[in-house]
Amino acid sequence: MYHRFNAVLQLALLIENGEKLMTVLDKVVAFYAGLEEQMEKHISKGSLKHWRYKVKNFPQRDWIPMLLDRIDE
C-alpha cells in the first residue's frame, strides 16, 4: 500500500516540476522496476496512471486510504 502512495507522490512531484506525464510515468516505473527484488508487486504504467487519476483531485493527506485495496467481505 505504501509503495502506491510513494509512487504516486513521486509522480506528482515530477509533474509539479514541469515534466510531462508520459515521461514521468516511464521514470517512476523504471525506478520501481529496479526495486522489484525488495517489493512484493511490480508497478505497471497502467496501475500508476490509475492511482494518479484516483487521487489527483484530493489533498495528499487523503491519498493513503484512497489507495488501499478493496477487500470484499
N, C-alpha and C. Protein backbone atom coordinates (compact mmCIF):
# COMPACT_ATOMS: atom_id res chain seq x y z
N MET A 1 0.82 -1.18 0.00
CA MET A 1 0.00 0.00 0.00
C MET A 1 0.87 1.26 0.00
N TYR A 2 1.94 1.27 0.82
CA TYR A 2 2.79 2.46 0.85
C TYR A 2 3.57 2.63 -0.44
N HIS A 3 3.83 1.52 -1.15
CA HIS A 3 4.52 1.67 -2.44
C HIS A 3 3.63 2.43 -3.42
N ARG A 4 2.33 2.26 -3.32
CA ARG A 4 1.41 3.01 -4.19
C ARG A 4 1.50 4.50 -3.87
N PHE A 5 1.42 4.82 -2.59
CA PHE A 5 1.49 6.22 -2.17
C PHE A 5 2.80 6.85 -2.60
N ASN A 6 3.91 6.16 -2.34
CA ASN A 6 5.22 6.71 -2.69
C ASN A 6 5.36 6.90 -4.19
N ALA A 7 4.87 5.95 -4.96
CA ALA A 7 4.96 6.05 -6.42
C ALA A 7 4.12 7.22 -6.94
N VAL A 8 2.92 7.38 -6.42
CA VAL A 8 2.05 8.48 -6.86
C VAL A 8 2.61 9.82 -6.40
N LEU A 9 3.17 9.85 -5.21
CA LEU A 9 3.79 11.08 -4.71
C LEU A 9 4.97 11.48 -5.58
N GLN A 10 5.81 10.53 -5.92
CA GLN A 10 6.95 10.79 -6.80
C GLN A 10 6.45 11.31 -8.16
N LEU A 11 5.42 10.68 -8.68
CA LEU A 11 4.82 11.09 -9.95
C LEU A 11 4.32 12.54 -9.86
N ALA A 12 3.59 12.84 -8.81
CA ALA A 12 3.02 14.18 -8.63
C ALA A 12 4.11 15.25 -8.52
N LEU A 13 5.17 14.95 -7.78
CA LEU A 13 6.25 15.92 -7.61
C LEU A 13 6.96 16.20 -8.92
N LEU A 14 7.19 15.17 -9.71
CA LEU A 14 7.85 15.37 -11.01
C LEU A 14 6.97 16.17 -11.96
N ILE A 15 5.67 15.91 -11.93
CA ILE A 15 4.73 16.67 -12.77
C ILE A 15 4.69 18.13 -12.33
N GLU A 16 4.68 18.36 -11.01
CA GLU A 16 4.70 19.74 -10.48
C GLU A 16 5.94 20.50 -10.95
N ASN A 17 7.03 19.77 -11.16
CA ASN A 17 8.28 20.40 -11.61
C ASN A 17 8.31 20.59 -13.12
N GLY A 18 7.18 20.35 -13.78
CA GLY A 18 7.06 20.67 -15.19
C GLY A 18 7.35 19.54 -16.17
N GLU A 19 7.57 18.34 -15.66
CA GLU A 19 7.82 17.22 -16.58
C GLU A 19 6.50 16.70 -17.14
N LYS A 20 6.57 16.13 -18.32
CA LYS A 20 5.36 15.62 -18.98
C LYS A 20 4.95 14.27 -18.39
N LEU A 21 3.65 14.04 -18.37
CA LEU A 21 3.08 12.84 -17.74
C LEU A 21 3.71 11.56 -18.26
N MET A 22 3.78 11.37 -19.55
CA MET A 22 4.28 10.11 -20.10
C MET A 22 5.75 9.89 -19.76
N THR A 23 6.53 10.96 -19.74
CA THR A 23 7.95 10.86 -19.36
C THR A 23 8.07 10.47 -17.90
N VAL A 24 7.26 11.10 -17.07
CA VAL A 24 7.28 10.83 -15.63
C VAL A 24 6.83 9.40 -15.35
N LEU A 25 5.80 8.93 -16.03
CA LEU A 25 5.34 7.55 -15.84
C LEU A 25 6.48 6.58 -16.12
N ASP A 26 7.19 6.80 -17.22
CA ASP A 26 8.32 5.93 -17.56
C ASP A 26 9.40 5.97 -16.49
N LYS A 27 9.71 7.16 -15.98
CA LYS A 27 10.75 7.30 -14.95
C LYS A 27 10.38 6.57 -13.66
N VAL A 28 9.15 6.76 -13.22
CA VAL A 28 8.72 6.15 -11.95
C VAL A 28 8.64 4.63 -12.08
N VAL A 29 8.11 4.14 -13.18
CA VAL A 29 8.03 2.69 -13.40
C VAL A 29 9.44 2.11 -13.45
N ALA A 30 10.37 2.78 -14.12
CA ALA A 30 11.75 2.30 -14.21
C ALA A 30 12.41 2.29 -12.83
N PHE A 31 12.13 3.32 -12.03
CA PHE A 31 12.69 3.37 -10.68
C PHE A 31 12.23 2.17 -9.85
N TYR A 32 10.94 1.89 -9.88
CA TYR A 32 10.41 0.78 -9.09
C TYR A 32 10.77 -0.58 -9.69
N ALA A 33 11.04 -0.63 -10.98
CA ALA A 33 11.50 -1.89 -11.59
C ALA A 33 12.85 -2.27 -11.00
N GLY A 34 13.66 -1.29 -10.67
CA GLY A 34 14.96 -1.54 -10.05
C GLY A 34 14.85 -2.03 -8.62
N LEU A 35 13.69 -1.87 -8.02
CA LEU A 35 13.47 -2.30 -6.63
C LEU A 35 12.63 -3.57 -6.53
N GLU A 36 12.38 -4.22 -7.66
CA GLU A 36 11.45 -5.36 -7.67
C GLU A 36 11.82 -6.45 -6.67
N GLU A 37 13.11 -6.68 -6.45
CA GLU A 37 13.51 -7.72 -5.50
C GLU A 37 13.05 -7.40 -4.09
N GLN A 38 12.98 -6.12 -3.76
CA GLN A 38 12.59 -5.70 -2.42
C GLN A 38 11.08 -5.55 -2.27
N MET A 39 10.38 -5.51 -3.39
CA MET A 39 8.93 -5.29 -3.36
C MET A 39 8.19 -6.59 -3.67
N GLU A 40 6.99 -6.67 -3.16
CA GLU A 40 6.19 -7.86 -3.42
C GLU A 40 5.47 -7.82 -4.76
N LYS A 41 5.23 -6.62 -5.28
CA LYS A 41 4.49 -6.49 -6.53
C LYS A 41 5.19 -5.53 -7.49
N HIS A 42 5.01 -5.79 -8.77
CA HIS A 42 5.52 -4.92 -9.83
C HIS A 42 4.55 -3.76 -10.02
N ILE A 43 5.07 -2.58 -10.33
CA ILE A 43 4.21 -1.43 -10.62
C ILE A 43 4.21 -1.23 -12.12
N SER A 44 3.03 -1.29 -12.71
CA SER A 44 2.91 -1.08 -14.15
C SER A 44 2.54 0.38 -14.43
N LYS A 45 2.77 0.80 -15.65
CA LYS A 45 2.43 2.16 -16.06
C LYS A 45 0.92 2.38 -15.94
N GLY A 46 0.13 1.36 -16.31
CA GLY A 46 -1.32 1.46 -16.23
C GLY A 46 -1.82 1.63 -14.80
N SER A 47 -1.24 0.85 -13.88
CA SER A 47 -1.63 0.96 -12.47
C SER A 47 -1.28 2.33 -11.92
N LEU A 48 -0.09 2.79 -12.23
CA LEU A 48 0.35 4.09 -11.74
C LEU A 48 -0.56 5.21 -12.26
N LYS A 49 -0.92 5.13 -13.51
CA LYS A 49 -1.82 6.11 -14.11
C LYS A 49 -3.19 6.07 -13.41
N HIS A 50 -3.69 4.87 -13.17
CA HIS A 50 -4.98 4.69 -12.50
C HIS A 50 -4.95 5.29 -11.09
N TRP A 51 -3.89 5.00 -10.34
CA TRP A 51 -3.77 5.53 -8.98
C TRP A 51 -3.71 7.05 -9.00
N ARG A 52 -3.01 7.62 -9.97
CA ARG A 52 -2.89 9.08 -10.05
C ARG A 52 -4.26 9.71 -10.28
N TYR A 53 -5.02 9.17 -11.24
CA TYR A 53 -6.33 9.74 -11.53
C TYR A 53 -7.29 9.56 -10.36
N LYS A 54 -7.08 8.53 -9.57
CA LYS A 54 -7.92 8.27 -8.42
C LYS A 54 -7.74 9.34 -7.33
N VAL A 55 -6.52 9.85 -7.17
CA VAL A 55 -6.23 10.77 -6.06
C VAL A 55 -5.95 12.21 -6.45
N LYS A 56 -5.79 12.49 -7.73
CA LYS A 56 -5.26 13.80 -8.13
C LYS A 56 -6.11 15.00 -7.72
N ASN A 57 -7.40 14.83 -7.50
CA ASN A 57 -8.25 15.95 -7.11
C ASN A 57 -8.50 16.04 -5.60
N PHE A 58 -7.70 15.29 -4.84
CA PHE A 58 -7.87 15.26 -3.39
C PHE A 58 -6.58 15.70 -2.70
N PRO A 59 -6.68 16.20 -1.46
CA PRO A 59 -5.47 16.58 -0.74
C PRO A 59 -4.59 15.35 -0.48
N GLN A 60 -3.32 15.58 -0.45
CA GLN A 60 -2.36 14.48 -0.28
C GLN A 60 -2.61 13.70 1.01
N ARG A 61 -3.10 14.35 2.04
CA ARG A 61 -3.34 13.66 3.32
C ARG A 61 -4.39 12.54 3.18
N ASP A 62 -5.21 12.61 2.13
CA ASP A 62 -6.26 11.61 1.93
C ASP A 62 -5.85 10.48 0.98
N TRP A 63 -4.66 10.54 0.43
CA TRP A 63 -4.27 9.58 -0.59
C TRP A 63 -4.12 8.15 -0.08
N ILE A 64 -3.52 7.95 1.08
CA ILE A 64 -3.27 6.58 1.54
C ILE A 64 -4.56 5.77 1.65
N PRO A 65 -5.61 6.28 2.32
CA PRO A 65 -6.84 5.48 2.37
C PRO A 65 -7.44 5.21 0.99
N MET A 66 -7.28 6.17 0.08
CA MET A 66 -7.84 6.01 -1.26
C MET A 66 -7.09 4.96 -2.07
N LEU A 67 -5.84 4.71 -1.71
CA LEU A 67 -5.01 3.76 -2.46
C LEU A 67 -5.03 2.35 -1.88
N LEU A 68 -5.79 2.15 -0.82
CA LEU A 68 -5.90 0.81 -0.23
C LEU A 68 -6.65 -0.12 -1.17
N ASP A 69 -6.28 -1.40 -1.12
CA ASP A 69 -7.03 -2.41 -1.87
C ASP A 69 -8.41 -2.55 -1.24
N ARG A 70 -9.39 -2.78 -2.07
CA ARG A 70 -10.74 -3.05 -1.56
C ARG A 70 -10.83 -4.54 -1.25
N ILE A 71 -11.34 -4.85 -0.09
CA ILE A 71 -11.49 -6.24 0.32
C ILE A 71 -12.97 -6.54 0.44
N ASP A 72 -13.43 -7.50 -0.33
CA ASP A 72 -14.84 -7.90 -0.27
C ASP A 72 -15.04 -8.81 0.92
N GLU A 73 -16.07 -8.54 1.69
CA GLU A 73 -16.35 -9.39 2.86
C GLU A 73 -17.51 -10.31 2.56
